[in-house]
Amino acid sequence: MTSLSLSRRSVALSVVALAVATPVAAADYGFKDLLANPGTPRAGAVDADVVIVMYADYNCGFCKRMEPVLAKALAADPRLAVVHKEWPIFGDVSEYAARVALAASYQGRYEAVHRAFMLAPTRLSDRETIETVAKQAGVDWPRLARDLKTRARDIDAILARNEREAALLALDGTPGLVINGYLVRGALSDEQLKALVQKIRAAGTRAPAV
């Protein structure tokens, strides 16, 4: 179980290890900066008091484990939100999957594609598999293919920004979770996430409005 000692600072980022909270090197980069970036998909409460920012790769097994944990938490907690940060670190296929998911947002299908990719029973090993899973998630593929081209610069900018943020946060792998300014490296169980959210609320570290 994750054990934490939280301060009341909601702007400066802190690292949450299993039993230790220490400052992140880029202390001048606040949690609000992670939320303010355009083109960042978000699910859950609009006025959430706890926001989970997740840096993930669709071919990361631990990220896949977190998907049902986050879905369960969102369903049970009306004051919770999740911000998805595409951070493809496992090569070209992972990057293509991230691009397809972001392109799906232009037709309102990001969440469907994101969830389909995360819950895919096998590795997204090639472009054909990615396209098949995306189509099964209900996207208009010809439109998505066009958006991949016409929106390429916007998608490039989102991925580049996520990469910069991951470097500032000193992330060394996926998943990386930032919860109201506290950084958790690695996946959490249902019980660990629930306990962490309770501790953050008790400490009064409310997510900033953007």
C-alpha atoms as a PDB file:
ATOM      1  CA  MET A   1       0.000   0.000   0.000  1.00  0.00           C
ATOM      2  CA  THR A   2       1.295   3.424  -0.867  1.00  0.00           C
ATOM      3  CA  SER A   3       2.151   5.454   2.236  1.00  0.00           C
ATOM      4  CA  LEU A   4       2.439   9.222   1.911  1.00  0.00           C
ATOM      5  CA  SER A   5       3.214  12.356   3.830  1.00  0.00           C
ATOM      6  CA  LEU A   6       1.759  15.231   1.819  1.00  0.00           C
ATOM      7  CA  SER A   7       2.370  18.950   2.158  1.00  0.00           C
ATOM      8  CA  ARG A   8      -0.249  21.559   1.245  1.00  0.00           C
ATOM      9  CA  ARG A   9       1.622  22.826  -1.841  1.00  0.00           C
ATOM     10  CA  SER A  10      -0.560  22.249  -4.907  1.00  0.00           C
ATOM     11  CA  VAL A  11       1.548  24.105  -7.481  1.00  0.00           C
ATOM     12  CA  ALA A  12       5.038  22.664  -7.011  1.00  0.00           C
ATOM     13  CA  LEU A  13       5.354  19.056  -8.117  1.00  0.00           C
ATOM     14  CA  SER A  14       6.443  16.355  -5.688  1.00  0.00           C
ATOM     15  CA  VAL A  15       7.494  12.768  -6.333  1.00  0.00           C
ATOM     16  CA  VAL A  16       5.515  10.067  -4.550  1.00  0.00           C
ATOM     17  CA  ALA A  17       7.464   6.843  -4.146  1.00  0.00           C
ATOM     18  CA  LEU A  18       6.101   3.936  -2.134  1.00  0.00           C
ATOM     19  CA  ALA A  19       6.961   5.612   1.139  1.00  0.00           C
ATOM     20  CA  VAL A  20       8.789   8.800   0.210  1.00  0.00           C
ATOM     21  CA  ALA A  21       7.791  12.239  -1.131  1.00  0.00           C
ATOM     22  CA  THR A  22      10.656  14.303  -2.571  1.00  0.00           C
ATOM     23  CA  PRO A  23      10.812  17.394  -4.816  1.00  0.00           C
ATOM     24  CA  VAL A  24      10.986  17.080  -8.582  1.00  0.00           C
ATOM     25  CA  ALA A  25      14.024  18.754 -10.175  1.00  0.00           C
ATOM     26  CA  ALA A  26      11.856  21.070 -12.282  1.00  0.00           C
ATOM     27  CA  ALA A  27      10.101  22.580  -9.284  1.00  0.00           C
ATOM     28  CA  ASP A  28       9.187  25.724 -11.207  1.00  0.00           C
ATOM     29  CA  TYR A  29       6.958  23.712 -13.537  1.00  0.00           C
ATOM     30  CA  GLY A  30       3.580  23.605 -11.876  1.00  0.00           C
ATOM     31  CA  PHE A  31       0.738  21.105 -12.027  1.00  0.00           C
ATOM     32  CA  LYS A  32      -1.467  23.715 -13.669  1.00  0.00           C
ATOM     33  CA  ASP A  33       0.934  23.776 -16.622  1.00  0.00           C
ATOM     34  CA  LEU A  34       0.220  20.092 -17.232  1.00  0.00           C
ATOM     35  CA  LEU A  35      -3.513  20.794 -17.420  1.00  0.00           C
ATOM     36  CA  ALA A  36      -3.397  23.952 -19.516  1.00  0.00           C
ATOM     37  CA  ASN A  37      -1.947  22.452 -22.684  1.00  0.00           C
ATOM     38  CA  PRO A  38      -4.311  22.397 -25.673  1.00  0.00           C
ATOM     39  CA  GLY A  39      -5.200  19.126 -27.335  1.00  0.00           C
ATOM     40  CA  THR A  40      -4.941  17.075 -24.151  1.00  0.00           C
ATOM     41  CA  PRO A  41      -7.821  14.559 -23.836  1.00  0.00           C
ATOM     42  CA  ARG A  42      -9.645  14.575 -20.521  1.00  0.00           C
ATOM     43  CA  ALA A  43     -12.324  12.354 -18.961  1.00  0.00           C
ATOM     44  CA  GLY A  44     -14.405  12.707 -15.815  1.00  0.00           C
ATOM     45  CA  ALA A  45     -15.601  15.704 -13.832  1.00  0.00           C
ATOM     46  CA  VAL A  46     -15.237  19.161 -15.361  1.00  0.00           C
ATOM     47  CA  ASP A  47     -14.820  20.743 -11.909  1.00  0.00           C
ATOM     48  CA  ALA A  48     -12.804  17.889 -10.406  1.00  0.00           C
ATOM     49  CA  ASP A  49     -11.018  18.422  -7.102  1.00  0.00           C
ATOM     50  CA  VAL A  50      -8.569  15.624  -7.941  1.00  0.00           C
ATOM     51  CA  VAL A  51      -7.064  15.291 -11.423  1.00  0.00           C
ATOM     52  CA  ILE A  52      -4.896  12.355 -12.479  1.00  0.00           C
ATOM     53  CA  VAL A  53      -2.517  13.095 -15.345  1.00  0.00           C
ATOM     54  CA  MET A  54      -1.258   9.860 -16.879  1.00  0.00           C
ATOM     55  CA  TYR A  55       1.720   9.505 -19.235  1.00  0.00           C
ATOM     56  CA  ALA A  56       1.305   6.209 -21.051  1.00  0.00           C
ATOM     57  CA  ASP A  57       2.245   4.012 -23.989  1.00  0.00           C
ATOM     58  CA  TYR A  58      -0.316   1.630 -25.509  1.00  0.00           C
ATOM     59  CA  ASN A  59       2.247  -1.185 -25.572  1.00  0.00           C
ATOM     60  CA  CYS A  60       3.089  -0.799 -21.887  1.00  0.00           C
ATOM     61  CA  GLY A  61       1.742  -3.708 -19.853  1.00  0.00           C
ATOM     62  CA  PHE A  62       1.601  -1.678 -16.642  1.00  0.00           C
ATOM     63  CA  CYS A  63      -0.350   1.073 -18.433  1.00  0.00           C
ATOM     64  CA  LYS A  64      -2.841  -1.547 -19.559  1.00  0.00           C
ATOM     65  CA  ARG A  65      -3.223  -2.659 -15.942  1.00  0.00           C
ATOM     66  CA  MET A  66      -4.028   0.929 -14.952  1.00  0.00           C
ATOM     67  CA  GLU A  67      -6.842   1.320 -17.501  1.00  0.00           C
ATOM     68  CA  PRO A  68      -9.513  -0.656 -15.561  1.00  0.00           C
ATOM     69  CA  VAL A  69      -8.271   0.921 -12.314  1.00  0.00           C
ATOM     70  CA  LEU A  70      -8.840   4.430 -13.709  1.00  0.00           C
ATOM     71  CA  ALA A  71     -12.161   3.458 -15.307  1.00  0.00           C
ATOM     72  CA  LYS A  72     -13.407   2.066 -11.985  1.00  0.00           C
ATOM     73  CA  ALA A  73     -12.250   5.166 -10.109  1.00  0.00           C
ATOM     74  CA  LEU A  74     -13.945   7.518 -12.581  1.00  0.00           C
ATOM     75  CA  ALA A  75     -17.195   5.569 -12.357  1.00  0.00           C
ATOM     76  CA  ALA A  76     -17.180   5.611  -8.556  1.00  0.00           C
ATOM     77  CA  ASP A  77     -15.906   9.145  -7.902  1.00  0.00           C
ATOM     78  CA  PRO A  78     -17.871  12.109  -9.328  1.00  0.00           C
ATOM     79  CA  ARG A  79     -15.135  14.574  -8.282  1.00  0.00           C
ATOM     80  CA  LEU A  80     -12.325  12.852 -10.179  1.00  0.00           C
ATOM     81  CA  ALA A  81     -10.887  13.522 -13.643  1.00  0.00           C
ATOM     82  CA  VAL A  82      -8.191  11.876 -15.759  1.00  0.00           C
ATOM     83  CA  VAL A  83      -5.998  13.679 -18.287  1.00  0.00           C
ATOM     84  CA  HIS A  84      -4.355  11.457 -20.892  1.00  0.00           C
ATOM     85  CA  LYS A  85      -0.818  12.249 -22.019  1.00  0.00           C
ATOM     86  CA  GLU A  86       0.315  10.192 -24.995  1.00  0.00           C
ATOM     87  CA  TRP A  87       3.972   9.312 -24.391  1.00  0.00           C
ATOM     88  CA  PRO A  88       4.995   6.591 -26.869  1.00  0.00           C
ATOM     89  CA  ILE A  89       8.362   5.273 -25.707  1.00  0.00           C
ATOM     90  CA  PHE A  90       8.326   1.789 -27.248  1.00  0.00           C
ATOM     91  CA  GLY A  91       9.130   2.672 -30.834  1.00  0.00           C
ATOM     92  CA  ASP A  92       7.447   3.591 -34.095  1.00  0.00           C
ATOM     93  CA  VAL A  93       4.394   1.356 -33.688  1.00  0.00           C
ATOM     94  CA  SER A  94       3.601   2.878 -30.304  1.00  0.00           C
ATOM     95  CA  GLU A  95       3.989   6.349 -31.798  1.00  0.00           C
ATOM     96  CA  TYR A  96       1.602   5.482 -34.615  1.00  0.00           C
ATOM     97  CA  ALA A  97      -0.954   4.236 -32.073  1.00  0.00           C
ATOM     98  CA  ALA A  98      -0.632   7.505 -30.149  1.00  0.00           C
ATOM     99  CA  ARG A  99      -1.114   9.497 -33.343  1.00  0.00           C
ATOM    100  CA  VAL A 100      -4.193   7.488 -34.297  1.00  0.00           C
ATOM    101  CA  ALA A 101      -5.720   8.017 -30.845  1.00  0.00           C
ATOM    102  CA  LEU A 102      -5.099  11.769 -31.007  1.00  0.00           C
ATOM    103  CA  ALA A 103      -6.451  11.953 -34.554  1.00  0.00           C
ATOM    104  CA  ALA A 104      -9.604  10.190 -33.358  1.00  0.00           C
ATOM    105  CA  SER A 105     -10.265  13.151 -31.056  1.00  0.00           C
ATOM    106  CA  TYR A 106     -11.157  15.281 -34.083  1.00  0.00           C
ATOM    107  CA  GLN A 107     -14.225  13.105 -34.589  1.00  0.00           C
ATOM    108  CA  GLY A 108     -15.002  12.746 -30.895  1.00  0.00           C
ATOM    109  CA  ARG A 109     -13.723   9.179 -30.628  1.00  0.00           C
ATOM    110  CA  TYR A 110     -10.562   9.559 -28.562  1.00  0.00           C
ATOM    111  CA  GLU A 111     -11.904   7.808 -25.452  1.00  0.00           C
ATOM    112  CA  ALA A 112     -13.266   4.895 -27.487  1.00  0.00           C
ATOM    113  CA  VAL A 113      -9.975   4.384 -29.319  1.00  0.00           C
ATOM    114  CA  HIS A 114      -7.874   4.925 -26.182  1.00  0.00           C
ATOM    115  CA  ARG A 115      -9.844   2.317 -24.282  1.00  0.00           C
ATOM    116  CA  ALA A 116      -9.776  -0.141 -27.202  1.00  0.00           C
ATOM    117  CA  PHE A 117      -5.997   0.186 -27.498  1.00  0.00           C
ATOM    118  CA  MET A 118      -5.457  -0.207 -23.761  1.00  0.00           C
ATOM    119  CA  LEU A 119      -7.755  -3.223 -23.502  1.00  0.00           C
ATOM    120  CA  ALA A 120      -6.514  -4.943 -26.656  1.00  0.00           C
ATOM    121  CA  PRO A 121      -5.730  -8.568 -25.685  1.00  0.00           C
ATOM    122  CA  THR A 122      -2.540  -8.636 -27.742  1.00  0.00           C
ATOM    123  CA  ARG A 123       0.312  -6.223 -28.363  1.00  0.00           C
ATOM    124  CA  LEU A 124      -0.289  -3.526 -30.972  1.00  0.00           C
ATOM    125  CA  SER A 125       2.489  -4.971 -33.088  1.00  0.00           C
ATOM    126  CA  ASP A 126       1.929  -3.287 -36.448  1.00  0.00           C
ATOM    127  CA  ARG A 127      -0.058  -0.577 -38.211  1.00  0.00           C
ATOM    128  CA  GLU A 128      -2.596  -3.016 -39.581  1.00  0.00           C
ATOM    129  CA  THR A 129      -3.507  -4.177 -36.067  1.00  0.00           C
ATOM    130  CA  ILE A 130      -3.813  -0.580 -34.869  1.00  0.00           C
ATOM    131  CA  GLU A 131      -6.088   0.338 -37.765  1.00  0.00           C
ATOM    132  CA  THR A 132      -8.247  -2.759 -37.207  1.00  0.00           C
ATOM    133  CA  VAL A 133      -8.700  -2.015 -33.498  1.00  0.00           C
ATOM    134  CA  ALA A 134      -9.471   1.662 -34.228  1.00  0.00           C
ATOM    135  CA  LYS A 135     -12.131   0.708 -36.765  1.00  0.00           C
ATOM    136  CA  GLN A 136     -13.657  -1.710 -34.261  1.00  0.00           C
ATOM    137  CA  ALA A 137     -13.830   1.204 -31.814  1.00  0.00           C
ATOM    138  CA  GLY A 138     -16.131   2.998 -34.237  1.00  0.00           C
ATOM    139  CA  VAL A 139     -13.934   5.559 -35.984  1.00  0.00           C
ATOM    140  CA  ASP A 140     -14.540   6.785 -39.500  1.00  0.00           C
ATOM    141  CA  TRP A 141     -11.203   5.534 -40.825  1.00  0.00           C
ATOM    142  CA  PRO A 142     -11.070   7.566 -44.073  1.00  0.00           C
ATOM    143  CA  ARG A 143     -11.684  10.717 -42.028  1.00  0.00           C
ATOM    144  CA  LEU A 144      -9.088   9.687 -39.448  1.00  0.00           C
ATOM    145  CA  ALA A 145      -6.524   9.005 -42.173  1.00  0.00           C
ATOM    146  CA  ARG A 146      -7.124  12.509 -43.518  1.00  0.00           C
ATOM    147  CA  ASP A 147      -6.790  14.015 -40.027  1.00  0.00           C
ATOM    148  CA  LEU A 148      -3.497  12.206 -39.525  1.00  0.00           C
ATOM    149  CA  LYS A 149      -2.181  14.216 -42.469  1.00  0.00           C
ATOM    150  CA  THR A 150      -3.958  17.551 -42.165  1.00  0.00           C
ATOM    151  CA  ARG A 151      -3.557  17.715 -38.363  1.00  0.00           C
ATOM    152  CA  ALA A 152      -0.012  16.328 -38.355  1.00  0.00           C
ATOM    153  CA  ARG A 153       1.562  19.529 -37.027  1.00  0.00           C
ATOM    154  CA  ASP A 154      -0.942  19.759 -34.184  1.00  0.00           C
ATOM    155  CA  ILE A 155      -0.343  16.122 -33.260  1.00  0.00           C
ATOM    156  CA  ASP A 156       3.425  16.648 -33.509  1.00  0.00           C
ATOM    157  CA  ALA A 157       3.114  19.569 -31.086  1.00  0.00           C
ATOM    158  CA  ILE A 158       1.122  17.534 -28.555  1.00  0.00           C
ATOM    159  CA  LEU A 159       3.602  14.653 -28.603  1.00  0.00           C
ATOM    160  CA  ALA A 160       6.594  16.995 -28.395  1.00  0.00           C
ATOM    161  CA  ARG A 161       5.050  18.826 -25.430  1.00  0.00           C
ATOM    162  CA  ASN A 162       4.337  15.545 -23.651  1.00  0.00           C
ATOM    163  CA  GLU A 163       7.942  14.493 -24.232  1.00  0.00           C
ATOM    164  CA  ARG A 164       9.219  17.762 -22.748  1.00  0.00           C
ATOM    165  CA  GLU A 165       6.963  17.382 -19.723  1.00  0.00           C
ATOM    166  CA  ALA A 166       8.112  13.807 -19.174  1.00  0.00           C
ATOM    167  CA  ALA A 167      11.716  15.038 -19.207  1.00  0.00           C
ATOM    168  CA  LEU A 168      10.923  17.824 -16.731  1.00  0.00           C
ATOM    169  CA  LEU A 169       9.245  15.298 -14.463  1.00  0.00           C
ATOM    170  CA  ALA A 170      12.269  12.984 -14.796  1.00  0.00           C
ATOM    171  CA  LEU A 171      10.042  10.106 -15.817  1.00  0.00           C
ATOM    172  CA  ASP A 172      12.035   6.990 -16.622  1.00  0.00           C
ATOM    173  CA  GLY A 173       9.190   4.825 -17.879  1.00  0.00           C
ATOM    174  CA  THR A 174       5.451   4.365 -18.162  1.00  0.00           C
ATOM    175  CA  PRO A 175       3.063   4.805 -16.584  1.00  0.00           C
ATOM    176  CA  GLY A 176       3.791   8.114 -14.926  1.00  0.00           C
ATOM    177  CA  LEU A 177       0.960   9.591 -12.861  1.00  0.00           C
ATOM    178  CA  VAL A 178       0.729  13.161 -11.613  1.00  0.00           C
ATOM    179  CA  ILE A 179      -2.109  13.595  -9.128  1.00  0.00           C
ATOM    180  CA  ASN A 180      -2.764  17.152  -7.953  1.00  0.00           C
ATOM    181  CA  GLY A 181       0.939  17.889  -8.211  1.00  0.00           C
ATOM    182  CA  TYR A 182       2.287  14.614  -6.816  1.00  0.00           C
ATOM    183  CA  LEU A 183       4.170  12.264  -9.112  1.00  0.00           C
ATOM    184  CA  VAL A 184       3.771   8.494  -8.876  1.00  0.00           C
ATOM    185  CA  ARG A 185       6.142   6.386 -10.932  1.00  0.00           C
ATOM    186  CA  GLY A 186       4.464   3.113 -11.846  1.00  0.00           C
ATOM    187  CA  ALA A 187       1.024   1.555 -11.739  1.00  0.00           C
ATOM    188  CA  LEU A 188      -1.313   1.592  -8.749  1.00  0.00           C
ATOM    189  CA  SER A 189      -3.916  -0.929  -7.661  1.00  0.00           C
ATOM    190  CA  ASP A 190      -7.537   0.030  -6.979  1.00  0.00           C
ATOM    191  CA  GLU A 191      -6.807   0.181  -3.265  1.00  0.00           C
ATOM    192  CA  GLN A 192      -3.601   2.203  -3.645  1.00  0.00           C
ATOM    193  CA  LEU A 193      -5.243   4.778  -5.900  1.00  0.00           C
ATOM    194  CA  LYS A 194      -8.251   5.160  -3.621  1.00  0.00           C
ATOM    195  CA  ALA A 195      -6.023   5.600  -0.576  1.00  0.00           C
ATOM    196  CA  LEU A 196      -3.839   8.147  -2.374  1.00  0.00           C
ATOM    197  CA  VAL A 197      -6.815  10.213  -3.523  1.00  0.00           C
ATOM    198  CA  GLN A 198      -8.164  10.201   0.045  1.00  0.00           C
ATOM    199  CA  LYS A 199      -4.811  11.387   1.421  1.00  0.00           C
ATOM    200  CA  ILE A 200      -4.564  14.161  -1.177  1.00  0.00           C
ATOM    201  CA  ARG A 201      -8.056  15.375  -0.336  1.00  0.00           C
ATOM    202  CA  ALA A 202      -7.303  15.229   3.356  1.00  0.00           C
ATOM    203  CA  ALA A 203      -4.173  17.308   2.776  1.00  0.00           C
ATOM    204  CA  GLY A 204      -6.224  19.933   0.950  1.00  0.00           C
ATOM    205  CA  THR A 205      -4.204  19.814  -2.278  1.00  0.00           C
ATOM    206  CA  ARG A 206      -7.063  20.626  -4.621  1.00  0.00           C
ATOM    207  CA  ALA A 207      -6.472  20.562  -8.377  1.00  0.00           C
ATOM    208  CA  PRO A 208      -6.127  24.102  -9.799  1.00  0.00           C
ATOM    209  CA  ALA A 209      -8.774  25.538 -12.109  1.00  0.00           C
ATOM    210  CA  VAL A 210      -7.696  26.049 -15.717  1.00  0.00           C
END
